[in-house]
């Protein structure tokens, strides 16, 4: 009986040691304590805020570039309208200025200065070739 008690006692001692080790392993698991989790969450929030700030700066720069481009397009449209107005004014002025006598004088002077040439139809036709 004494042998059985000794074996049972050893068994209970081993079971207690295993239980104690499992409790210690459970308490010291890889999960951080609440304070460490709060620090980790704060770090993640800080990193997210830094990324959001960088994105906001890029967005602001893109908006400034778009505004500058819109201003350049507006200026180009204004320049094009001014050029079209000038072209219309020139065309209107050109259409109202009409000098019909000037052209007729040139044609009449050219006709008087040119000697009369024989008509082109008076020349004899070439003879056909015979074999």
C-alpha atoms as a PDB file:
ATOM      1  CA  UNK A   1       0.000   0.000   0.000  1.00  0.00           C
ATOM      2  CA  UNK A   2       2.836   2.227   0.751  1.00  0.00           C
ATOM      3  CA  UNK A   3       4.099   1.764  -2.860  1.00  0.00           C
ATOM      4  CA  UNK A   4       0.749   2.657  -4.242  1.00  0.00           C
ATOM      5  CA  UNK A   5       0.630   5.827  -2.167  1.00  0.00           C
ATOM      6  CA  UNK A   6       4.054   6.759  -3.271  1.00  0.00           C
ATOM      7  CA  UNK A   7       3.139   6.230  -6.934  1.00  0.00           C
ATOM      8  CA  UNK A   8      -0.127   8.163  -6.539  1.00  0.00           C
ATOM      9  CA  UNK A   9       1.662  10.948  -4.741  1.00  0.00           C
ATOM     10  CA  UNK A  10       4.202  11.208  -7.540  1.00  0.00           C
ATOM     11  CA  UNK A  11       1.397  11.195 -10.083  1.00  0.00           C
ATOM     12  CA  UNK A  12      -0.482  13.950  -8.285  1.00  0.00           C
ATOM     13  CA  UNK A  13       2.742  15.928  -7.984  1.00  0.00           C
ATOM     14  CA  UNK A  14       3.426  15.563 -11.698  1.00  0.00           C
ATOM     15  CA  UNK A  15      -0.161  16.519 -12.571  1.00  0.00           C
ATOM     16  CA  UNK A  16       0.111  19.567 -10.312  1.00  0.00           C
ATOM     17  CA  UNK A  17       3.370  20.574 -11.957  1.00  0.00           C
ATOM     18  CA  UNK A  18       1.833  20.162 -15.408  1.00  0.00           C
ATOM     19  CA  UNK A  19      -1.185  22.189 -14.299  1.00  0.00           C
ATOM     20  CA  UNK A  20       1.016  24.924 -12.886  1.00  0.00           C
ATOM     21  CA  UNK A  21       3.079  25.032 -16.076  1.00  0.00           C
ATOM     22  CA  UNK A  22      -0.034  25.210 -18.223  1.00  0.00           C
ATOM     23  CA  UNK A  23      -1.407  28.053 -16.104  1.00  0.00           C
ATOM     24  CA  UNK A  24       1.865  29.912 -16.369  1.00  0.00           C
ATOM     25  CA  UNK A  25       1.956  29.318 -20.111  1.00  0.00           C
ATOM     26  CA  UNK A  26      -1.627  30.558 -20.408  1.00  0.00           C
ATOM     27  CA  UNK A  27      -0.898  33.717 -18.459  1.00  0.00           C
ATOM     28  CA  UNK A  28       2.279  34.476 -20.311  1.00  0.00           C
ATOM     29  CA  UNK A  29       0.848  33.937 -23.799  1.00  0.00           C
ATOM     30  CA  UNK A  30       2.013  36.041 -26.717  1.00  0.00           C
ATOM     31  CA  UNK A  31      -0.966  38.386 -26.434  1.00  0.00           C
ATOM     32  CA  UNK A  32       0.067  41.781 -25.073  1.00  0.00           C
ATOM     33  CA  UNK A  33      -1.563  43.239 -22.024  1.00  0.00           C
ATOM     34  CA  UNK A  34      -4.197  46.012 -22.422  1.00  0.00           C
ATOM     35  CA  UNK A  35      -1.644  48.791 -21.940  1.00  0.00           C
ATOM     36  CA  UNK A  36       0.550  47.404 -24.709  1.00  0.00           C
ATOM     37  CA  UNK A  37      -2.483  47.011 -26.980  1.00  0.00           C
ATOM     38  CA  UNK A  38      -3.396  50.672 -26.342  1.00  0.00           C
ATOM     39  CA  UNK A  39       0.136  51.751 -27.256  1.00  0.00           C
ATOM     40  CA  UNK A  40      -0.004  49.671 -30.433  1.00  0.00           C
ATOM     41  CA  UNK A  41      -3.369  51.175 -31.374  1.00  0.00           C
ATOM     42  CA  UNK A  42      -2.032  54.683 -30.754  1.00  0.00           C
ATOM     43  CA  UNK A  43       0.973  53.978 -32.979  1.00  0.00           C
ATOM     44  CA  UNK A  44      -1.283  52.678 -35.741  1.00  0.00           C
ATOM     45  CA  UNK A  45      -3.526  55.727 -35.447  1.00  0.00           C
ATOM     46  CA  UNK A  46      -0.475  57.998 -35.656  1.00  0.00           C
ATOM     47  CA  UNK A  47       0.734  56.220 -38.801  1.00  0.00           C
ATOM     48  CA  UNK A  48      -2.733  56.481 -40.362  1.00  0.00           C
ATOM     49  CA  UNK A  49      -2.845  60.197 -39.558  1.00  0.00           C
ATOM     50  CA  UNK A  50       0.566  60.691 -41.195  1.00  0.00           C
ATOM     51  CA  UNK A  51      -0.630  58.879 -44.328  1.00  0.00           C
ATOM     52  CA  UNK A  52      -3.817  60.969 -44.390  1.00  0.00           C
ATOM     53  CA  UNK A  53      -1.771  64.156 -44.046  1.00  0.00           C
ATOM     54  CA  UNK A  54       0.481  63.147 -46.950  1.00  0.00           C
ATOM     55  CA  UNK A  55      -2.577  62.350 -49.076  1.00  0.00           C
ATOM     56  CA  UNK A  56      -4.121  65.718 -48.196  1.00  0.00           C
ATOM     57  CA  UNK A  57      -0.921  67.510 -49.253  1.00  0.00           C
ATOM     58  CA  UNK A  58      -0.867  65.646 -52.573  1.00  0.00           C
ATOM     59  CA  UNK A  59      -4.537  66.458 -53.108  1.00  0.00           C
ATOM     60  CA  UNK A  60      -3.921  70.125 -52.367  1.00  0.00           C
ATOM     61  CA  UNK A  61      -1.025  70.235 -54.846  1.00  0.00           C
ATOM     62  CA  UNK A  62      -3.160  68.557 -57.512  1.00  0.00           C
ATOM     63  CA  UNK A  63      -5.964  71.056 -56.896  1.00  0.00           C
ATOM     64  CA  UNK A  64      -3.526  73.961 -57.279  1.00  0.00           C
ATOM     65  CA  UNK A  65      -2.235  72.513 -60.546  1.00  0.00           C
ATOM     66  CA  UNK A  66      -5.789  72.045 -61.832  1.00  0.00           C
ATOM     67  CA  UNK A  67      -6.658  75.629 -60.912  1.00  0.00           C
ATOM     68  CA  UNK A  68      -3.565  76.930 -62.732  1.00  0.00           C
ATOM     69  CA  UNK A  69      -4.455  74.867 -65.803  1.00  0.00           C
ATOM     70  CA  UNK A  70      -8.020  76.196 -65.750  1.00  0.00           C
ATOM     71  CA  UNK A  71      -6.668  79.731 -65.565  1.00  0.00           C
ATOM     72  CA  UNK A  72      -4.411  79.093 -68.569  1.00  0.00           C
ATOM     73  CA  UNK A  73      -7.339  77.636 -70.544  1.00  0.00           C
ATOM     74  CA  UNK A  74      -9.476  80.649 -69.672  1.00  0.00           C
ATOM     75  CA  UNK A  75      -6.710  83.015 -70.809  1.00  0.00           C
ATOM     76  CA  UNK A  76      -6.283  81.067 -74.069  1.00  0.00           C
ATOM     77  CA  UNK A  77     -10.030  81.253 -74.712  1.00  0.00           C
ATOM     78  CA  UNK A  78      -9.973  84.996 -74.118  1.00  0.00           C
ATOM     79  CA  UNK A  79      -7.019  85.384 -76.510  1.00  0.00           C
ATOM     80  CA  UNK A  80      -8.798  83.297 -79.145  1.00  0.00           C
ATOM     81  CA  UNK A  81     -11.953  85.415 -78.839  1.00  0.00           C
ATOM     82  CA  UNK A  82      -9.926  88.610 -79.209  1.00  0.00           C
ATOM     83  CA  UNK A  83      -8.191  87.201 -82.305  1.00  0.00           C
ATOM     84  CA  UNK A  84     -11.541  86.174 -83.796  1.00  0.00           C
ATOM     85  CA  UNK A  85     -12.933  89.661 -83.144  1.00  0.00           C
ATOM     86  CA  UNK A  86      -9.906  91.239 -84.849  1.00  0.00           C
ATOM     87  CA  UNK A  87     -10.235  88.888 -87.828  1.00  0.00           C
ATOM     88  CA  UNK A  88     -13.936  89.708 -88.124  1.00  0.00           C
ATOM     89  CA  UNK A  89     -13.192  93.431 -88.019  1.00  0.00           C
ATOM     90  CA  UNK A  90     -10.529  93.066 -90.731  1.00  0.00           C
ATOM     91  CA  UNK A  91     -12.847  90.976 -92.890  1.00  0.00           C
ATOM     92  CA  UNK A  92     -15.666  93.476 -92.456  1.00  0.00           C
ATOM     93  CA  UNK A  93     -13.386  96.357 -93.383  1.00  0.00           C
ATOM     94  CA  UNK A  94     -12.035  94.479 -96.407  1.00  0.00           C
ATOM     95  CA  UNK A  95     -15.517  93.617 -97.642  1.00  0.00           C
ATOM     96  CA  UNK A  96     -16.717  97.241 -97.432  1.00  0.00           C
ATOM     97  CA  UNK A  97     -13.709  98.634 -99.333  1.00  0.00           C
ATOM     98  CA  UNK A  98     -14.468  98.013-102.996  1.00  0.00           C
ATOM     99  CA  UNK A  99     -12.448  99.502-105.888  1.00  0.00           C
ATOM    100  CA  UNK A 100     -14.034  98.252-109.126  1.00  0.00           C
ATOM    101  CA  UNK A 101     -12.508 100.957-111.366  1.00  0.00           C
ATOM    102  CA  UNK A 102      -8.980 100.083-110.335  1.00  0.00           C
ATOM    103  CA  UNK A 103      -9.208  96.546-111.652  1.00  0.00           C
ATOM    104  CA  UNK A 104     -10.818  97.618-114.914  1.00  0.00           C
ATOM    105  CA  UNK A 105      -8.106 100.169-115.534  1.00  0.00           C
ATOM    106  CA  UNK A 106      -5.420  97.527-115.205  1.00  0.00           C
ATOM    107  CA  UNK A 107      -7.171  95.215-117.620  1.00  0.00           C
ATOM    108  CA  UNK A 108      -7.785  97.991-120.131  1.00  0.00           C
ATOM    109  CA  UNK A 109      -4.180  99.201-119.958  1.00  0.00           C
ATOM    110  CA  UNK A 110      -2.877  95.691-120.459  1.00  0.00           C
ATOM    111  CA  UNK A 111      -5.118  95.158-123.472  1.00  0.00           C
ATOM    112  CA  UNK A 112      -3.972  98.423-125.097  1.00  0.00           C
ATOM    113  CA  UNK A 113      -0.259  97.747-124.498  1.00  0.00           C
ATOM    114  CA  UNK A 114      -0.261  94.212-125.939  1.00  0.00           C
ATOM    115  CA  UNK A 115       0.272  93.973-129.716  1.00  0.00           C
ATOM    116  CA  UNK A 116      -2.295  92.051-131.612  1.00  0.00           C
ATOM    117  CA  UNK A 117      -1.156  88.471-132.130  1.00  0.00           C
ATOM    118  CA  UNK A 118      -2.472  86.261-134.910  1.00  0.00           C
ATOM    119  CA  UNK A 119      -5.099  83.788-133.707  1.00  0.00           C
ATOM    120  CA  UNK A 120      -3.800  80.349-132.758  1.00  0.00           C
ATOM    121  CA  UNK A 121      -6.282  78.625-135.048  1.00  0.00           C
ATOM    122  CA  UNK A 122      -4.664  80.074-138.232  1.00  0.00           C
ATOM    123  CA  UNK A 123      -1.648  77.759-138.067  1.00  0.00           C
ATOM    124  CA  UNK A 124      -1.814  74.741-140.435  1.00  0.00           C
ATOM    125  CA  UNK A 125      -2.258  71.304-138.930  1.00  0.00           C
ATOM    126  CA  UNK A 126       0.675  68.867-139.277  1.00  0.00           C
ATOM    127  CA  UNK A 127       0.409  66.313-142.033  1.00  0.00           C
ATOM    128  CA  UNK A 128      -0.261  62.711-141.017  1.00  0.00           C
ATOM    129  CA  UNK A 129       2.669  60.312-141.294  1.00  0.00           C
ATOM    130  CA  UNK A 130       2.542  57.793-144.146  1.00  0.00           C
ATOM    131  CA  UNK A 131       4.109  54.364-143.902  1.00  0.00           C
END
